[in-house]
């Protein structure tokens, strides 16, 4: 009897959306950030001409 009284006195905050919506939102944001990270692959090699020969260029100055 006391268990039901204690349980009925608990404060329950309902979620603004169903739990599945939070899971789907998390997965979508995770894959979006993974795609963003993947899009930066090989960036250093795309701009190799900017970094190539910097040690020799600074030696000439």
C-alpha atoms as a PDB file:
ATOM      1  CA  UNK A   1       0.000   0.000   0.000  1.00  0.00           C
ATOM      2  CA  UNK A   2       2.812   2.436   0.809  1.00  0.00           C
ATOM      3  CA  UNK A   3       4.525   1.697  -2.496  1.00  0.00           C
ATOM      4  CA  UNK A   4       1.549   2.960  -4.458  1.00  0.00           C
ATOM      5  CA  UNK A   5       1.367   6.090  -2.355  1.00  0.00           C
ATOM      6  CA  UNK A   6       5.062   6.829  -2.917  1.00  0.00           C
ATOM      7  CA  UNK A   7       4.798   6.042  -6.616  1.00  0.00           C
ATOM      8  CA  UNK A   8       1.779   8.280  -7.059  1.00  0.00           C
ATOM      9  CA  UNK A   9       3.633  11.170  -5.413  1.00  0.00           C
ATOM     10  CA  UNK A  10       6.482  11.132  -7.943  1.00  0.00           C
ATOM     11  CA  UNK A  11       6.864  14.049 -10.271  1.00  0.00           C
ATOM     12  CA  UNK A  12       6.696  12.902 -13.876  1.00  0.00           C
ATOM     13  CA  UNK A  13       7.841  15.251 -16.610  1.00  0.00           C
ATOM     14  CA  UNK A  14       6.571  14.117 -19.958  1.00  0.00           C
ATOM     15  CA  UNK A  15       8.770  14.537 -23.013  1.00  0.00           C
ATOM     16  CA  UNK A  16       7.689  17.194 -25.529  1.00  0.00           C
ATOM     17  CA  UNK A  17       8.036  14.608 -28.326  1.00  0.00           C
ATOM     18  CA  UNK A  18       7.847  10.828 -28.404  1.00  0.00           C
ATOM     19  CA  UNK A  19      11.126   9.074 -27.578  1.00  0.00           C
ATOM     20  CA  UNK A  20      11.461   7.832 -31.172  1.00  0.00           C
ATOM     21  CA  UNK A  21      11.685  11.425 -32.427  1.00  0.00           C
ATOM     22  CA  UNK A  22      14.700  12.060 -30.202  1.00  0.00           C
ATOM     23  CA  UNK A  23      16.374   8.900 -31.487  1.00  0.00           C
ATOM     24  CA  UNK A  24      15.742   9.822 -35.112  1.00  0.00           C
ATOM     25  CA  UNK A  25      16.962  13.391 -34.534  1.00  0.00           C
ATOM     26  CA  UNK A  26      20.135  12.060 -32.919  1.00  0.00           C
ATOM     27  CA  UNK A  27      20.811   9.682 -35.810  1.00  0.00           C
ATOM     28  CA  UNK A  28      20.192  12.386 -38.419  1.00  0.00           C
ATOM     29  CA  UNK A  29      22.505  14.826 -36.654  1.00  0.00           C
ATOM     30  CA  UNK A  30      25.151  12.119 -36.164  1.00  0.00           C
ATOM     31  CA  UNK A  31      25.159  11.223 -39.857  1.00  0.00           C
ATOM     32  CA  UNK A  32      25.179  14.906 -40.846  1.00  0.00           C
ATOM     33  CA  UNK A  33      28.250  15.527 -38.691  1.00  0.00           C
ATOM     34  CA  UNK A  34      29.876  12.337 -39.995  1.00  0.00           C
ATOM     35  CA  UNK A  35      29.281  13.538 -43.563  1.00  0.00           C
ATOM     36  CA  UNK A  36      30.745  16.944 -42.699  1.00  0.00           C
ATOM     37  CA  UNK A  37      33.846  15.311 -41.238  1.00  0.00           C
ATOM     38  CA  UNK A  38      34.147  12.991 -44.246  1.00  0.00           C
ATOM     39  CA  UNK A  39      33.891  15.940 -46.626  1.00  0.00           C
ATOM     40  CA  UNK A  40      37.169  17.335 -45.242  1.00  0.00           C
ATOM     41  CA  UNK A  41      39.164  14.253 -46.227  1.00  0.00           C
ATOM     42  CA  UNK A  42      42.338  14.843 -48.219  1.00  0.00           C
ATOM     43  CA  UNK A  43      42.116  18.641 -47.851  1.00  0.00           C
ATOM     44  CA  UNK A  44      45.841  18.962 -47.117  1.00  0.00           C
ATOM     45  CA  UNK A  45      46.695  17.251 -50.407  1.00  0.00           C
ATOM     46  CA  UNK A  46      44.424  19.584 -52.384  1.00  0.00           C
ATOM     47  CA  UNK A  47      46.530  22.567 -51.313  1.00  0.00           C
ATOM     48  CA  UNK A  48      49.940  20.929 -51.494  1.00  0.00           C
ATOM     49  CA  UNK A  49      51.251  23.701 -53.768  1.00  0.00           C
ATOM     50  CA  UNK A  50      50.845  26.175 -50.896  1.00  0.00           C
ATOM     51  CA  UNK A  51      52.934  24.123 -48.473  1.00  0.00           C
ATOM     52  CA  UNK A  52      55.387  22.557 -50.899  1.00  0.00           C
ATOM     53  CA  UNK A  53      58.825  24.088 -50.756  1.00  0.00           C
ATOM     54  CA  UNK A  54      58.161  26.414 -47.837  1.00  0.00           C
ATOM     55  CA  UNK A  55      61.442  25.470 -46.194  1.00  0.00           C
ATOM     56  CA  UNK A  56      63.374  26.322 -49.357  1.00  0.00           C
ATOM     57  CA  UNK A  57      61.386  29.543 -49.862  1.00  0.00           C
ATOM     58  CA  UNK A  58      62.154  30.729 -46.352  1.00  0.00           C
ATOM     59  CA  UNK A  59      65.841  29.903 -46.838  1.00  0.00           C
ATOM     60  CA  UNK A  60      66.002  32.280 -49.832  1.00  0.00           C
ATOM     61  CA  UNK A  61      64.671  35.238 -47.824  1.00  0.00           C
END
